[in-house]
Structures are given as C-alpha cells and as structure tokens.
Amino acid sequence: MSGNKHASPTSWVDSDEAPELTDEFFERADEYVGDKLVRRGRPPAEHKKLPLTVRYDEDVVAAFKATGRGWQTRMNDALRDWLKDHPSRAA
C-alpha cells in the first residue's frame, strides 16, 4: 500500500460552482504589506477599559441615556471629574 490511509479523499470541485468574489469579499479580506498583516478596526486604547457589572439608580442611568449616543463615555468622564475633587485615600 503506497498511499496514506489517513489522507482525506479529494473530490472534484467544479470551478463554475465556486462563489463569485464580490467587492465585499475583498473589503473583508486580510491585507498584507510585505509579510506584515495590516490590522484593521479600532486601534488599542490609550487607557484600557475594564468591563464591570455595577448598579446605579434608575434615574441616574436614565439621565445619562437621555443625552444620546456616548452616554457611557460621558458617565465615565463625570466620574473622572469627581475624582479630581475627591482624590482616593488609597493612592
């Protein structure tokens, strides 16, 4: 027996049945410059955010949400401003 008994069988794929390569396919494809993969998407943040589960009063959350998109960032900024006037005793 000269063949590899663990090799998967190859089946004929008709090139006419292959999906058409659309512009969307190429937009989502990985891009290389030389051997280096160009990363897409959001760049790494200067200050890493930590996912937390916290509980706030309903009216506080409603007030921030009422300000529209980016309300969580504004809430973070409000907490940061509070810390300027109330430095941590542990620091």
Protein backbone atom coordinates (compact mmCIF):
# COMPACT_ATOMS: atom_id res chain seq x y z
CA MET A 1 0.00 0.00 0.00
CA SER A 2 1.72 3.16 -1.16
CA GLY A 3 -0.90 5.82 -0.21
CA ASN A 4 -1.53 7.45 3.15
CA LYS A 5 -4.56 5.70 4.61
CA HIS A 6 -5.35 8.76 6.77
CA ALA A 7 -5.42 11.20 3.87
CA SER A 8 -8.84 12.65 3.23
CA PRO A 9 -10.28 11.88 -0.17
CA THR A 10 -10.21 14.69 -2.66
CA SER A 11 -13.37 15.42 -4.54
CA TRP A 12 -13.68 17.33 -7.75
CA VAL A 13 -14.97 20.88 -7.35
CA ASP A 14 -16.31 22.43 -10.50
CA SER A 15 -14.95 25.98 -10.77
CA ASP A 16 -18.29 27.08 -12.21
CA GLU A 17 -19.88 26.25 -8.84
CA ALA A 18 -17.43 28.36 -6.83
CA PRO A 19 -18.91 31.54 -5.33
CA GLU A 20 -18.23 34.80 -7.12
CA LEU A 21 -15.67 37.03 -5.43
CA THR A 22 -17.51 40.26 -4.70
CA ASP A 23 -16.27 43.68 -3.61
CA GLU A 24 -17.49 42.85 -0.09
CA PHE A 25 -15.24 39.76 -0.06
CA PHE A 26 -12.18 41.87 -0.88
CA GLU A 27 -13.14 44.59 1.64
CA ARG A 28 -13.22 41.98 4.42
CA ALA A 29 -10.04 40.18 3.31
CA ASP A 30 -6.80 40.39 5.28
CA GLU A 31 -4.33 42.88 3.88
CA TYR A 32 -0.59 42.37 3.99
CA VAL A 33 2.25 44.81 3.43
CA GLY A 34 5.13 42.51 2.68
CA ASP A 35 4.91 39.78 5.33
CA LYS A 36 3.18 42.00 7.91
CA LEU A 37 -0.58 41.74 8.45
CA VAL A 38 -2.21 45.18 8.49
CA ARG A 39 -4.64 45.28 11.41
CA ARG A 40 -7.97 46.90 10.78
CA GLY A 41 -10.55 48.14 13.23
CA ARG A 42 -10.26 50.23 16.32
CA PRO A 43 -6.67 50.87 17.44
CA PRO A 44 -5.71 49.94 21.00
CA ALA A 45 -7.00 52.46 23.54
CA GLU A 46 -4.57 54.64 25.45
CA HIS A 47 -6.39 53.73 28.68
CA LYS A 48 -7.74 50.20 28.78
CA LYS A 49 -11.40 49.93 29.77
CA LEU A 50 -12.48 47.25 32.24
CA PRO A 51 -15.82 45.52 31.76
CA LEU A 52 -17.74 45.71 35.05
CA THR A 53 -21.15 44.94 36.40
CA VAL A 54 -22.35 47.84 38.52
CA ARG A 55 -25.69 49.01 39.83
CA TYR A 56 -26.81 52.64 39.52
CA ASP A 57 -30.09 54.26 40.43
CA GLU A 58 -32.58 54.13 37.58
CA ASP A 59 -32.91 57.91 37.36
CA VAL A 60 -29.13 58.38 37.08
CA VAL A 61 -28.87 55.91 34.19
CA ALA A 62 -31.96 57.41 32.52
CA ALA A 63 -30.46 60.90 32.72
CA PHE A 64 -27.22 59.80 31.05
CA LYS A 65 -29.04 57.71 28.42
CA ALA A 66 -31.23 60.71 27.60
CA THR A 67 -28.13 62.53 26.39
CA GLY A 68 -27.88 60.11 23.44
CA ARG A 69 -25.07 58.04 21.99
CA GLY A 70 -21.87 58.07 24.03
CA TRP A 71 -23.67 58.25 27.37
CA GLN A 72 -21.33 55.69 28.93
CA THR A 73 -18.31 57.77 27.94
CA ARG A 74 -19.95 60.85 29.47
CA MET A 75 -20.67 58.89 32.65
CA ASN A 76 -17.01 57.84 32.75
CA ASP A 77 -15.95 61.48 32.27
CA ALA A 78 -18.29 62.60 35.09
CA LEU A 79 -16.74 60.04 37.43
CA ARG A 80 -13.26 61.15 36.39
CA ASP A 81 -14.18 64.80 37.16
CA TRP A 82 -15.48 63.74 40.57
CA LEU A 83 -12.16 62.02 41.28
CA LYS A 84 -10.29 65.30 40.64
CA ASP A 85 -12.12 66.89 43.61
CA HIS A 86 -12.16 63.71 45.72
CA PRO A 87 -8.77 62.02 45.41
CA SER A 88 -8.59 58.43 46.55
CA ARG A 89 -7.14 57.91 50.01
CA ALA A 90 -5.54 54.67 48.82
CA ALA A 91 -3.47 56.44 46.17
